[in-house]
Amino acid sequence: MADSVFGIEFDGGVIIAADQTNARSILTYQSNLDKVVQLSSHSAMGVAGPNSDLVNFSEYISKNFALYQLSNDGIQLSTAAQANFCRNELAAALRKGPYQVNILLGGYDKKTSSGSLYWMDYLAALTKLKYGAQGYASNFCLSIMDRDYKEGLTQDEAVQIVEKCIQELKVRFLLNQSNFLIKVIDKDGVRVVKFGADPADN
C-alpha cells in the first residue's frame, strides 16, 4: 500500500505518524488528510488503505467505543480490548465485505500507567509490538527503528526517531508524500505534535 503509517512506544505513551496524502490511481485528491483517528480520550489508530474504507472502518470503531462507554457508566475499554475488538470486526468482515485497511492502534492505560501499540492487517492478524509500520514505509522505517529503539525512550527521543523515518521516506521513497502528521498518546490524552498541513483546512 502506498500509505505510510508507523508508530513507536516510549516510556509513558505511544507515538503514531502517517502521511497526509489522499490519492487514487494517478490522482492526488488531498494532502492534508488525518489518517491517525482518535478512538477514545486515550487511544488512536493509524490507518492505511483506501479513503472510503479508512473513514468507514475508523468511524464505525470509534462510535462503538463511545457507545460502550455510554452504556457502561463511563468505563473505557483497555487498549488491548480495543485492539481485540478491531481484530474481531476485521475477521467478521473478511468473508462478507473485507475492509481494505491495515492498522497501528496505540493507547495509554491509566491502570498500568503505560502505553501499548498493536499491529493489525486486513486479514485480521493481530500482534503487540514496541514499534511497527504499515505500507511501503516498512521497507524504509523498520531498519531505523531497529537501530535506534531502546527501552525507556523519552517522548522527545521517540519523536526524533519518527522524524528520521519521515526524512528517509522523503529522500528514498519513489512517491512524493510531502506532508506527515504525528500524534502522541499519553496520560494527557491524544494530541498532535506536528503536521505538514493542517487537517482542519478544507
N, C-alpha and C. Protein backbone atom coordinates (compact mmCIF):
# COMPACT_ATOMS: atom_id res chain seq x y z
N MET A 1 0.83 -1.20 0.00
CA MET A 1 0.00 0.00 0.00
C MET A 1 0.86 1.25 0.00
N ALA A 2 0.40 2.26 -0.67
CA ALA A 2 1.17 3.49 -0.80
C ALA A 2 1.10 4.37 0.44
N ASP A 3 0.19 4.07 1.35
CA ASP A 3 0.11 4.85 2.59
C ASP A 3 1.28 4.51 3.50
N SER A 4 1.72 5.49 4.25
CA SER A 4 2.80 5.29 5.22
C SER A 4 2.28 5.56 6.62
N VAL A 5 2.27 4.52 7.44
CA VAL A 5 1.83 4.64 8.84
C VAL A 5 2.86 3.94 9.70
N PHE A 6 3.35 4.62 10.74
CA PHE A 6 4.32 3.97 11.62
C PHE A 6 4.17 4.51 13.03
N GLY A 7 4.57 3.69 13.99
CA GLY A 7 4.40 4.06 15.38
C GLY A 7 5.50 3.49 16.25
N ILE A 8 5.64 4.06 17.45
CA ILE A 8 6.67 3.62 18.38
C ILE A 8 6.22 3.90 19.82
N GLU A 9 6.53 2.96 20.69
CA GLU A 9 6.26 3.15 22.11
C GLU A 9 7.39 3.94 22.75
N PHE A 10 7.06 4.76 23.75
CA PHE A 10 8.08 5.38 24.59
C PHE A 10 7.65 5.21 26.04
N ASP A 11 8.48 5.63 26.95
CA ASP A 11 8.19 5.46 28.37
C ASP A 11 7.04 6.39 28.77
N GLY A 12 5.83 5.82 28.82
CA GLY A 12 4.67 6.61 29.22
C GLY A 12 3.71 6.93 28.10
N GLY A 13 3.89 6.29 26.95
CA GLY A 13 2.95 6.56 25.86
C GLY A 13 3.35 5.96 24.53
N VAL A 14 2.68 6.42 23.49
CA VAL A 14 2.88 5.92 22.13
C VAL A 14 2.84 7.10 21.16
N ILE A 15 3.63 7.00 20.10
CA ILE A 15 3.56 7.97 19.01
C ILE A 15 3.15 7.25 17.73
N ILE A 16 2.18 7.80 17.03
CA ILE A 16 1.76 7.27 15.73
C ILE A 16 1.85 8.39 14.70
N ALA A 17 2.45 8.08 13.55
CA ALA A 17 2.60 9.06 12.48
C ALA A 17 2.07 8.47 11.18
N ALA A 18 1.59 9.33 10.30
CA ALA A 18 1.09 8.88 9.00
C ALA A 18 1.24 10.00 7.98
N ASP A 19 1.36 9.59 6.71
CA ASP A 19 1.36 10.61 5.66
C ASP A 19 -0.05 11.19 5.54
N GLN A 20 -0.18 12.33 4.89
CA GLN A 20 -1.47 13.03 4.81
C GLN A 20 -2.05 13.04 3.40
N THR A 21 -1.55 12.14 2.55
CA THR A 21 -1.97 12.13 1.15
C THR A 21 -3.20 11.25 0.95
N ASN A 22 -4.17 11.78 0.24
CA ASN A 22 -5.35 11.01 -0.18
C ASN A 22 -5.27 10.91 -1.70
N ALA A 23 -4.90 9.73 -2.19
CA ALA A 23 -4.68 9.56 -3.63
C ALA A 23 -5.29 8.26 -4.12
N ARG A 24 -5.60 8.22 -5.40
CA ARG A 24 -6.11 7.01 -6.04
C ARG A 24 -5.68 7.01 -7.49
N SER A 25 -5.18 5.87 -7.95
CA SER A 25 -4.68 5.76 -9.31
C SER A 25 -3.59 6.82 -9.53
N ILE A 26 -3.74 7.68 -10.52
CA ILE A 26 -2.72 8.69 -10.81
C ILE A 26 -3.06 10.06 -10.24
N LEU A 27 -4.14 10.13 -9.45
CA LEU A 27 -4.62 11.42 -8.94
C LEU A 27 -4.35 11.59 -7.44
N THR A 28 -3.98 12.78 -7.04
CA THR A 28 -3.92 13.18 -5.63
C THR A 28 -5.11 14.07 -5.35
N TYR A 29 -5.95 13.65 -4.41
CA TYR A 29 -7.16 14.42 -4.08
C TYR A 29 -6.93 15.41 -2.94
N GLN A 30 -6.02 15.06 -2.05
CA GLN A 30 -5.90 15.80 -0.80
C GLN A 30 -4.49 15.60 -0.25
N SER A 31 -3.95 16.63 0.39
CA SER A 31 -2.63 16.48 1.00
C SER A 31 -2.64 16.91 2.47
N ASN A 32 -3.85 16.94 3.06
CA ASN A 32 -3.94 17.29 4.49
C ASN A 32 -4.88 16.34 5.24
N LEU A 33 -4.95 15.08 4.80
CA LEU A 33 -5.84 14.09 5.41
C LEU A 33 -5.27 13.62 6.76
N ASP A 34 -6.14 13.46 7.73
CA ASP A 34 -5.73 12.92 9.04
C ASP A 34 -6.01 11.42 9.06
N LYS A 35 -4.96 10.61 8.94
CA LYS A 35 -5.10 9.15 8.93
C LYS A 35 -4.90 8.54 10.32
N VAL A 36 -4.62 9.38 11.32
CA VAL A 36 -4.48 8.91 12.69
C VAL A 36 -5.74 9.32 13.44
N VAL A 37 -6.67 8.38 13.55
CA VAL A 37 -8.02 8.67 14.04
C VAL A 37 -8.11 8.43 15.54
N GLN A 38 -8.61 9.43 16.27
CA GLN A 38 -8.80 9.27 17.71
C GLN A 38 -9.99 8.36 17.98
N LEU A 39 -9.79 7.32 18.80
CA LEU A 39 -10.84 6.36 19.12
C LEU A 39 -11.50 6.66 20.45
N SER A 40 -10.71 7.09 21.41
CA SER A 40 -11.22 7.47 22.73
C SER A 40 -10.31 8.56 23.27
N SER A 41 -10.51 8.95 24.51
CA SER A 41 -9.69 10.03 25.06
C SER A 41 -8.21 9.66 25.11
N HIS A 42 -7.91 8.34 25.20
CA HIS A 42 -6.52 7.91 25.35
C HIS A 42 -6.15 6.81 24.35
N SER A 43 -6.72 6.84 23.16
CA SER A 43 -6.32 5.87 22.14
C SER A 43 -6.58 6.43 20.74
N ALA A 44 -5.80 5.94 19.80
CA ALA A 44 -5.94 6.36 18.40
C ALA A 44 -5.40 5.25 17.52
N MET A 45 -5.82 5.27 16.25
CA MET A 45 -5.26 4.29 15.32
C MET A 45 -4.87 4.95 14.00
N GLY A 46 -3.70 4.58 13.53
CA GLY A 46 -3.24 5.00 12.21
C GLY A 46 -3.72 3.97 11.20
N VAL A 47 -4.35 4.45 10.14
CA VAL A 47 -4.98 3.54 9.17
C VAL A 47 -4.38 3.74 7.79
N ALA A 48 -3.97 2.64 7.16
CA ALA A 48 -3.51 2.65 5.78
C ALA A 48 -4.53 1.91 4.93
N GLY A 49 -4.95 2.54 3.84
CA GLY A 49 -5.93 1.89 2.97
C GLY A 49 -6.70 2.91 2.17
N PRO A 50 -7.60 2.45 1.30
CA PRO A 50 -8.42 3.37 0.51
C PRO A 50 -9.22 4.30 1.43
N ASN A 51 -9.41 5.54 1.01
CA ASN A 51 -10.05 6.52 1.87
C ASN A 51 -11.45 6.10 2.30
N SER A 52 -12.19 5.44 1.42
CA SER A 52 -13.55 5.01 1.77
C SER A 52 -13.54 4.04 2.94
N ASP A 53 -12.67 3.03 2.89
CA ASP A 53 -12.58 2.06 3.98
C ASP A 53 -11.97 2.68 5.23
N LEU A 54 -11.02 3.58 5.04
CA LEU A 54 -10.39 4.27 6.17
C LEU A 54 -11.45 5.00 7.00
N VAL A 55 -12.27 5.80 6.32
CA VAL A 55 -13.31 6.58 7.01
C VAL A 55 -14.39 5.66 7.58
N ASN A 56 -14.84 4.71 6.77
CA ASN A 56 -15.92 3.81 7.18
C ASN A 56 -15.54 3.00 8.42
N PHE A 57 -14.38 2.36 8.37
CA PHE A 57 -13.97 1.49 9.48
C PHE A 57 -13.63 2.29 10.73
N SER A 58 -12.88 3.38 10.59
CA SER A 58 -12.45 4.14 11.76
C SER A 58 -13.65 4.79 12.47
N GLU A 59 -14.62 5.28 11.70
CA GLU A 59 -15.81 5.87 12.33
C GLU A 59 -16.66 4.79 13.00
N TYR A 60 -16.78 3.64 12.37
CA TYR A 60 -17.54 2.53 12.96
C TYR A 60 -16.93 2.10 14.29
N ILE A 61 -15.61 1.99 14.34
CA ILE A 61 -14.92 1.57 15.56
C ILE A 61 -15.04 2.64 16.65
N SER A 62 -14.77 3.90 16.31
CA SER A 62 -14.80 4.96 17.32
C SER A 62 -16.20 5.14 17.90
N LYS A 63 -17.23 5.01 17.07
CA LYS A 63 -18.61 5.15 17.57
C LYS A 63 -19.00 3.97 18.45
N ASN A 64 -18.50 2.79 18.16
CA ASN A 64 -18.76 1.63 19.02
C ASN A 64 -18.12 1.80 20.38
N PHE A 65 -16.91 2.37 20.42
CA PHE A 65 -16.25 2.60 21.69
C PHE A 65 -16.99 3.67 22.50
N ALA A 66 -17.50 4.68 21.82
CA ALA A 66 -18.29 5.72 22.50
C ALA A 66 -19.57 5.13 23.06
N LEU A 67 -20.21 4.25 22.30
CA LEU A 67 -21.44 3.59 22.75
C LEU A 67 -21.16 2.71 23.97
N TYR A 68 -20.05 1.97 23.94
CA TYR A 68 -19.68 1.12 25.08
C TYR A 68 -19.51 1.97 26.34
N GLN A 69 -18.85 3.11 26.19
CA GLN A 69 -18.61 3.98 27.34
C GLN A 69 -19.92 4.54 27.89
N LEU A 70 -20.83 4.92 27.01
CA LEU A 70 -22.13 5.44 27.44
C LEU A 70 -22.98 4.36 28.12
N SER A 71 -22.84 3.12 27.66
CA SER A 71 -23.64 2.02 28.17
C SER A 71 -23.09 1.42 29.46
N ASN A 72 -21.84 1.79 29.82
CA ASN A 72 -21.19 1.18 30.98
C ASN A 72 -20.66 2.21 31.97
N ASP A 73 -21.48 3.22 32.24
CA ASP A 73 -21.16 4.22 33.26
C ASP A 73 -19.79 4.87 33.07
N GLY A 74 -19.44 5.14 31.83
CA GLY A 74 -18.19 5.87 31.55
C GLY A 74 -16.94 5.03 31.53
N ILE A 75 -17.08 3.70 31.69
CA ILE A 75 -15.90 2.83 31.68
C ILE A 75 -15.37 2.71 30.25
N GLN A 76 -14.06 2.89 30.10
CA GLN A 76 -13.43 2.76 28.79
C GLN A 76 -12.76 1.40 28.65
N LEU A 77 -12.78 0.88 27.44
CA LEU A 77 -12.05 -0.36 27.16
C LEU A 77 -10.55 -0.11 27.24
N SER A 78 -9.81 -1.11 27.70
CA SER A 78 -8.35 -1.00 27.70
C SER A 78 -7.86 -1.03 26.25
N THR A 79 -6.62 -0.66 26.05
CA THR A 79 -6.06 -0.66 24.70
C THR A 79 -6.07 -2.07 24.12
N ALA A 80 -5.75 -3.08 24.93
CA ALA A 80 -5.77 -4.47 24.46
C ALA A 80 -7.17 -4.88 24.04
N ALA A 81 -8.19 -4.48 24.82
CA ALA A 81 -9.58 -4.81 24.49
C ALA A 81 -10.00 -4.11 23.19
N GLN A 82 -9.57 -2.87 23.02
CA GLN A 82 -9.89 -2.14 21.79
C GLN A 82 -9.27 -2.83 20.57
N ALA A 83 -8.02 -3.26 20.72
CA ALA A 83 -7.33 -3.93 19.61
C ALA A 83 -8.03 -5.25 19.26
N ASN A 84 -8.45 -5.98 20.27
CA ASN A 84 -9.13 -7.26 20.01
C ASN A 84 -10.52 -7.06 19.42
N PHE A 85 -11.20 -5.98 19.80
CA PHE A 85 -12.49 -5.66 19.18
C PHE A 85 -12.29 -5.35 17.70
N CYS A 86 -11.29 -4.53 17.38
CA CYS A 86 -11.00 -4.20 15.98
C CYS A 86 -10.66 -5.46 15.20
N ARG A 87 -9.84 -6.30 15.79
CA ARG A 87 -9.45 -7.55 15.13
C ARG A 87 -10.65 -8.44 14.85
N ASN A 88 -11.58 -8.51 15.80
CA ASN A 88 -12.78 -9.32 15.64
C ASN A 88 -13.67 -8.78 14.51
N GLU A 89 -13.78 -7.45 14.42
CA GLU A 89 -14.58 -6.84 13.36
C GLU A 89 -13.96 -7.08 11.98
N LEU A 90 -12.64 -7.02 11.90
CA LEU A 90 -11.97 -7.31 10.64
C LEU A 90 -12.17 -8.76 10.23
N ALA A 91 -12.10 -9.67 11.21
CA ALA A 91 -12.29 -11.10 10.94
C ALA A 91 -13.72 -11.39 10.50
N ALA A 92 -14.70 -10.74 11.16
CA ALA A 92 -16.11 -10.96 10.82
C ALA A 92 -16.41 -10.46 9.40
N ALA A 93 -15.75 -9.39 9.00
CA ALA A 93 -16.00 -8.80 7.67
C ALA A 93 -15.25 -9.53 6.56
N LEU A 94 -14.33 -10.39 6.95
CA LEU A 94 -13.42 -10.99 5.97
C LEU A 94 -14.13 -11.75 4.85
N ARG A 95 -15.21 -12.48 5.20
CA ARG A 95 -15.92 -13.28 4.21
C ARG A 95 -17.23 -12.65 3.76
N LYS A 96 -17.43 -11.40 4.14
CA LYS A 96 -18.63 -10.67 3.71
C LYS A 96 -18.23 -9.54 2.77
N GLY A 97 -17.55 -8.56 3.33
CA GLY A 97 -17.03 -7.43 2.55
C GLY A 97 -15.83 -6.90 3.28
N PRO A 98 -14.65 -7.44 2.99
CA PRO A 98 -13.45 -7.09 3.78
C PRO A 98 -13.14 -5.60 3.74
N TYR A 99 -12.71 -5.09 4.89
CA TYR A 99 -12.18 -3.73 4.95
C TYR A 99 -10.73 -3.78 4.48
N GLN A 100 -10.38 -2.98 3.49
CA GLN A 100 -9.00 -2.96 3.00
C GLN A 100 -8.18 -1.97 3.83
N VAL A 101 -8.01 -2.31 5.10
CA VAL A 101 -7.29 -1.41 6.00
C VAL A 101 -6.22 -2.18 6.76
N ASN A 102 -5.06 -1.56 6.89
CA ASN A 102 -4.00 -2.05 7.76
C ASN A 102 -3.79 -1.00 8.85
N ILE A 103 -3.65 -1.46 10.08
CA ILE A 103 -3.81 -0.57 11.23
C ILE A 103 -2.65 -0.67 12.22
N LEU A 104 -2.29 0.47 12.79
CA LEU A 104 -1.49 0.53 14.01
C LEU A 104 -2.35 1.21 15.07
N LEU A 105 -2.68 0.50 16.13
CA LEU A 105 -3.53 1.04 17.20
C LEU A 105 -2.69 1.24 18.45
N GLY A 106 -2.72 2.46 18.96
CA GLY A 106 -1.96 2.77 20.17
C GLY A 106 -2.83 3.40 21.23
N GLY A 107 -2.47 3.19 22.47
CA GLY A 107 -3.25 3.78 23.55
C GLY A 107 -2.46 3.84 24.85
N TYR A 108 -3.01 4.60 25.79
CA TYR A 108 -2.42 4.73 27.12
C TYR A 108 -3.44 4.22 28.13
N ASP A 109 -3.00 3.31 29.00
CA ASP A 109 -3.87 2.73 30.03
C ASP A 109 -3.52 3.32 31.39
N LYS A 110 -4.52 3.94 32.01
CA LYS A 110 -4.30 4.59 33.30
C LYS A 110 -3.96 3.57 34.39
N LYS A 111 -4.54 2.35 34.28
CA LYS A 111 -4.30 1.33 35.32
C LYS A 111 -2.83 0.91 35.38
N THR A 112 -2.20 0.82 34.21
CA THR A 112 -0.80 0.39 34.17
C THR A 112 0.16 1.56 33.99
N SER A 113 -0.39 2.76 33.77
CA SER A 113 0.41 3.96 33.53
C SER A 113 1.44 3.75 32.41
N SER A 114 0.99 3.09 31.35
CA SER A 114 1.90 2.81 30.24
C SER A 114 1.14 2.80 28.92
N GLY A 115 1.88 2.96 27.86
CA GLY A 115 1.29 2.90 26.52
C GLY A 115 1.52 1.54 25.90
N SER A 116 0.72 1.22 24.88
CA SER A 116 0.92 -0.03 24.14
C SER A 116 0.53 0.18 22.69
N LEU A 117 1.15 -0.61 21.82
CA LEU A 117 0.98 -0.47 20.38
C LEU A 117 0.64 -1.84 19.77
N TYR A 118 -0.36 -1.86 18.90
CA TYR A 118 -0.81 -3.10 18.26
C TYR A 118 -0.83 -2.95 16.75
N TRP A 119 -0.39 -4.00 16.07
CA TRP A 119 -0.34 -4.05 14.61
C TRP A 119 -1.43 -4.99 14.11
N MET A 120 -2.20 -4.53 13.13
CA MET A 120 -3.25 -5.36 12.51
C MET A 120 -3.21 -5.20 11.01
N ASP A 121 -3.53 -6.28 10.28
CA ASP A 121 -3.68 -6.14 8.84
C ASP A 121 -5.11 -6.47 8.43
N TYR A 122 -5.41 -6.34 7.14
CA TYR A 122 -6.79 -6.51 6.66
C TYR A 122 -7.27 -7.96 6.76
N LEU A 123 -6.35 -8.90 6.98
CA LEU A 123 -6.72 -10.30 7.17
C LEU A 123 -6.97 -10.63 8.64
N ALA A 124 -6.98 -9.63 9.49
CA ALA A 124 -7.30 -9.74 10.92
C ALA A 124 -6.20 -10.40 11.74
N ALA A 125 -4.97 -10.31 11.26
CA ALA A 125 -3.83 -10.71 12.09
C ALA A 125 -3.58 -9.61 13.11
N LEU A 126 -3.22 -9.98 14.32
CA LEU A 126 -3.01 -9.01 15.40
C LEU A 126 -1.77 -9.39 16.20
N THR A 127 -0.93 -8.40 16.46
CA THR A 127 0.21 -8.63 17.33
C THR A 127 0.56 -7.35 18.09
N LYS A 128 1.10 -7.52 19.27
CA LYS A 128 1.55 -6.39 20.09
C LYS A 128 3.04 -6.19 19.84
N LEU A 129 3.45 -4.93 19.69
CA LEU A 129 4.86 -4.68 19.44
C LEU A 129 5.32 -3.35 20.03
N LYS A 130 6.61 -3.14 20.00
CA LYS A 130 7.19 -1.90 20.53
C LYS A 130 7.25 -0.81 19.47
N TYR A 131 7.39 -1.21 18.23
CA TYR A 131 7.40 -0.27 17.11
C TYR A 131 7.00 -1.04 15.85
N GLY A 132 6.43 -0.32 14.89
CA GLY A 132 5.99 -1.00 13.68
C GLY A 132 5.61 -0.01 12.59
N ALA A 133 5.34 -0.56 11.41
CA ALA A 133 4.98 0.27 10.26
C ALA A 133 4.02 -0.50 9.37
N GLN A 134 3.21 0.23 8.62
CA GLN A 134 2.30 -0.33 7.65
C GLN A 134 2.60 0.29 6.29
N GLY A 135 2.32 -0.47 5.24
CA GLY A 135 2.54 0.03 3.89
C GLY A 135 4.00 -0.06 3.49
N TYR A 136 4.31 0.61 2.37
CA TYR A 136 5.69 0.59 1.86
C TYR A 136 6.66 1.24 2.83
N ALA A 137 6.15 2.03 3.76
CA ALA A 137 7.01 2.68 4.75
C ALA A 137 7.83 1.67 5.54
N SER A 138 7.29 0.47 5.71
CA SER A 138 8.02 -0.54 6.49
C SER A 138 9.37 -0.88 5.86
N ASN A 139 9.48 -0.78 4.54
CA ASN A 139 10.75 -1.07 3.87
C ASN A 139 11.84 -0.06 4.23
N PHE A 140 11.43 1.12 4.65
CA PHE A 140 12.39 2.18 4.94
C PHE A 140 12.56 2.44 6.43
N CYS A 141 11.48 2.25 7.18
CA CYS A 141 11.46 2.70 8.58
C CYS A 141 11.89 1.63 9.59
N LEU A 142 11.63 0.37 9.30
CA LEU A 142 11.89 -0.65 10.31
C LEU A 142 13.38 -0.77 10.65
N SER A 143 14.24 -0.57 9.67
CA SER A 143 15.68 -0.65 9.95
C SER A 143 16.12 0.50 10.85
N ILE A 144 15.53 1.68 10.65
CA ILE A 144 15.85 2.84 11.51
C ILE A 144 15.38 2.56 12.93
N MET A 145 14.17 2.02 13.06
CA MET A 145 13.64 1.72 14.39
C MET A 145 14.42 0.59 15.06
N ASP A 146 14.82 -0.41 14.28
CA ASP A 146 15.65 -1.49 14.82
C ASP A 146 16.94 -0.94 15.44
N ARG A 147 17.53 0.02 14.74
CA ARG A 147 18.80 0.57 15.19
C ARG A 147 18.65 1.50 16.38
N ASP A 148 17.61 2.35 16.35
CA ASP A 148 17.53 3.43 17.34
C ASP A 148 16.62 3.16 18.54
N TYR A 149 15.75 2.15 18.44
CA TYR A 149 14.83 1.90 19.55
C TYR A 149 15.58 1.32 20.75
N LYS A 150 15.19 1.77 21.93
CA LYS A 150 15.72 1.20 23.17
C LYS A 150 14.63 1.32 24.23
N GLU A 151 14.68 0.47 25.22
CA GLU A 151 13.71 0.53 26.32
C GLU A 151 13.86 1.85 27.07
N GLY A 152 12.73 2.42 27.47
CA GLY A 152 12.78 3.64 28.26
C GLY A 152 12.99 4.91 27.47
N LEU A 153 12.65 4.87 26.18
CA LEU A 153 12.74 6.09 25.36
C LEU A 153 11.92 7.22 25.96
N THR A 154 12.41 8.43 25.87
CA THR A 154 11.60 9.59 26.23
C THR A 154 10.73 9.96 25.02
N GLN A 155 9.76 10.83 25.26
CA GLN A 155 8.90 11.27 24.15
C GLN A 155 9.72 11.98 23.08
N ASP A 156 10.64 12.84 23.50
CA ASP A 156 11.46 13.59 22.53
C ASP A 156 12.31 12.65 21.69
N GLU A 157 12.87 11.62 22.32
CA GLU A 157 13.69 10.65 21.58
C GLU A 157 12.85 9.88 20.57
N ALA A 158 11.62 9.52 20.97
CA ALA A 158 10.72 8.80 20.07
C ALA A 158 10.32 9.67 18.88
N VAL A 159 10.06 10.95 19.15
CA VAL A 159 9.72 11.89 18.06
C VAL A 159 10.90 12.01 17.09
N GLN A 160 12.11 12.04 17.62
CA GLN A 160 13.30 12.13 16.76
C GLN A 160 13.41 10.92 15.84
N ILE A 161 13.09 9.73 16.36
CA ILE A 161 13.14 8.51 15.54
C ILE A 161 12.08 8.59 14.43
N VAL A 162 10.89 9.03 14.79
CA VAL A 162 9.81 9.18 13.80
C VAL A 162 10.21 10.19 12.73
N GLU A 163 10.83 11.29 13.13
CA GLU A 163 11.25 12.30 12.15
C GLU A 163 12.36 11.78 11.24
N LYS A 164 13.22 10.90 11.76
CA LYS A 164 14.22 10.24 10.92
C LYS A 164 13.54 9.38 9.85
N CYS A 165 12.48 8.67 10.26
CA CYS A 165 11.73 7.84 9.32
C CYS A 165 11.09 8.69 8.23
N ILE A 166 10.52 9.81 8.62
CA ILE A 166 9.88 10.71 7.65
C ILE A 166 10.91 11.25 6.67
N GLN A 167 12.07 11.63 7.18
CA GLN A 167 13.13 12.15 6.30
C GLN A 167 13.61 11.08 5.33
N GLU A 168 13.73 9.86 5.81
CA GLU A 168 14.16 8.75 4.94
C GLU A 168 13.15 8.52 3.82
N LEU A 169 11.86 8.58 4.13
CA LEU A 169 10.82 8.42 3.12
C LEU A 169 10.88 9.54 2.09
N LYS A 170 11.12 10.75 2.55
CA LYS A 170 11.18 11.89 1.63
C LYS A 170 12.37 11.79 0.69
N VAL A 171 13.46 11.20 1.16
CA VAL A 171 14.67 11.09 0.34
C VAL A 171 14.62 9.85 -0.56
N ARG A 172 14.17 8.71 -0.02
CA ARG A 172 14.33 7.43 -0.72
C ARG A 172 13.07 6.92 -1.42
N PHE A 173 11.89 7.28 -0.91
CA PHE A 173 10.66 6.68 -1.43
C PHE A 173 10.30 7.28 -2.78
N LEU A 174 9.89 6.41 -3.71
CA LEU A 174 9.51 6.84 -5.05
C LEU A 174 8.38 7.86 -5.05
N LEU A 175 7.37 7.64 -4.19
CA LEU A 175 6.22 8.54 -4.14
C LEU A 175 6.54 9.80 -3.34
N ASN A 176 5.93 10.88 -3.75
CA ASN A 176 6.12 12.15 -3.04
C ASN A 176 5.04 12.32 -1.97
N GLN A 177 5.39 12.00 -0.74
CA GLN A 177 4.48 12.21 0.39
C GLN A 177 5.01 13.44 1.14
N SER A 178 4.50 14.59 0.76
CA SER A 178 5.09 15.84 1.25
C SER A 178 4.72 16.16 2.70
N ASN A 179 3.54 15.71 3.13
CA ASN A 179 3.08 16.07 4.47
C ASN A 179 2.88 14.85 5.36
N PHE A 180 3.27 14.98 6.62
CA PHE A 180 3.08 13.92 7.61
C PHE A 180 2.48 14.52 8.88
N LEU A 181 1.69 13.70 9.57
CA LEU A 181 1.06 14.09 10.82
C LEU A 181 1.57 13.19 11.93
N ILE A 182 1.99 13.76 13.04
CA ILE A 182 2.50 12.99 14.18
C ILE A 182 1.60 13.25 15.39
N LYS A 183 1.10 12.18 16.00
CA LYS A 183 0.28 12.31 17.21
C LYS A 183 0.90 11.51 18.35
N VAL A 184 0.78 12.05 19.54
CA VAL A 184 1.24 11.36 20.75
C VAL A 184 0.04 11.00 21.61
N ILE A 185 0.10 9.82 22.22
CA ILE A 185 -0.94 9.37 23.14
C ILE A 185 -0.25 9.05 24.46
N ASP A 186 -0.60 9.81 25.49
CA ASP A 186 -0.01 9.59 26.81
C ASP A 186 -1.04 9.89 27.90
N LYS A 187 -0.59 10.13 29.13
CA LYS A 187 -1.51 10.35 30.25
C LYS A 187 -2.41 11.56 30.04
N ASP A 188 -1.98 12.49 29.19
CA ASP A 188 -2.77 13.69 28.92
C ASP A 188 -3.74 13.53 27.77
N GLY A 189 -3.78 12.35 27.17
CA GLY A 189 -4.70 12.09 26.06
C GLY A 189 -4.01 12.06 24.72
N VAL A 190 -4.81 12.28 23.67
CA VAL A 190 -4.31 12.26 22.29
C VAL A 190 -4.13 13.70 21.82
N ARG A 191 -2.95 13.99 21.28
CA ARG A 191 -2.74 15.34 20.76
C ARG A 191 -1.75 15.31 19.59
N VAL A 192 -1.85 16.35 18.78
CA VAL A 192 -0.97 16.48 17.62
C VAL A 192 0.35 17.11 18.05
N VAL A 193 1.45 16.47 17.65
CA VAL A 193 2.78 17.02 17.93
C VAL A 193 3.24 17.89 16.77
N LYS A 194 2.95 17.41 15.55
CA LYS A 194 3.46 18.10 14.37
C LYS A 194 2.63 17.70 13.17
N PHE A 195 2.44 18.61 12.22
CA PHE A 195 1.79 18.25 10.97
C PHE A 195 2.40 19.04 9.81
N GLY A 196 2.30 18.46 8.61
CA GLY A 196 2.79 19.16 7.43
C GLY A 196 1.75 20.10 6.88
N ALA A 197 0.47 19.68 6.96
CA ALA A 197 -0.66 20.51 6.53
C ALA A 197 -1.79 20.32 7.53
N ASP A 198 -2.45 21.41 7.88
CA ASP A 198 -3.49 21.37 8.90
C ASP A 198 -4.71 20.61 8.37
N PRO A 199 -5.09 19.49 9.03
CA PRO A 199 -6.28 18.73 8.58
C PRO A 199 -7.57 19.53 8.62
N ALA A 200 -7.59 20.62 9.40
CA ALA A 200 -8.80 21.45 9.50
C ALA A 200 -8.99 22.34 8.28
N ASP A 201 -7.95 22.50 7.48
CA ASP A 201 -8.04 23.35 6.28
C ASP A 201 -8.61 22.55 5.13
N ASN A 202 -9.86 22.78 4.79
CA ASN A 202 -10.51 22.05 3.68
C ASN A 202 -10.90 23.04 2.58
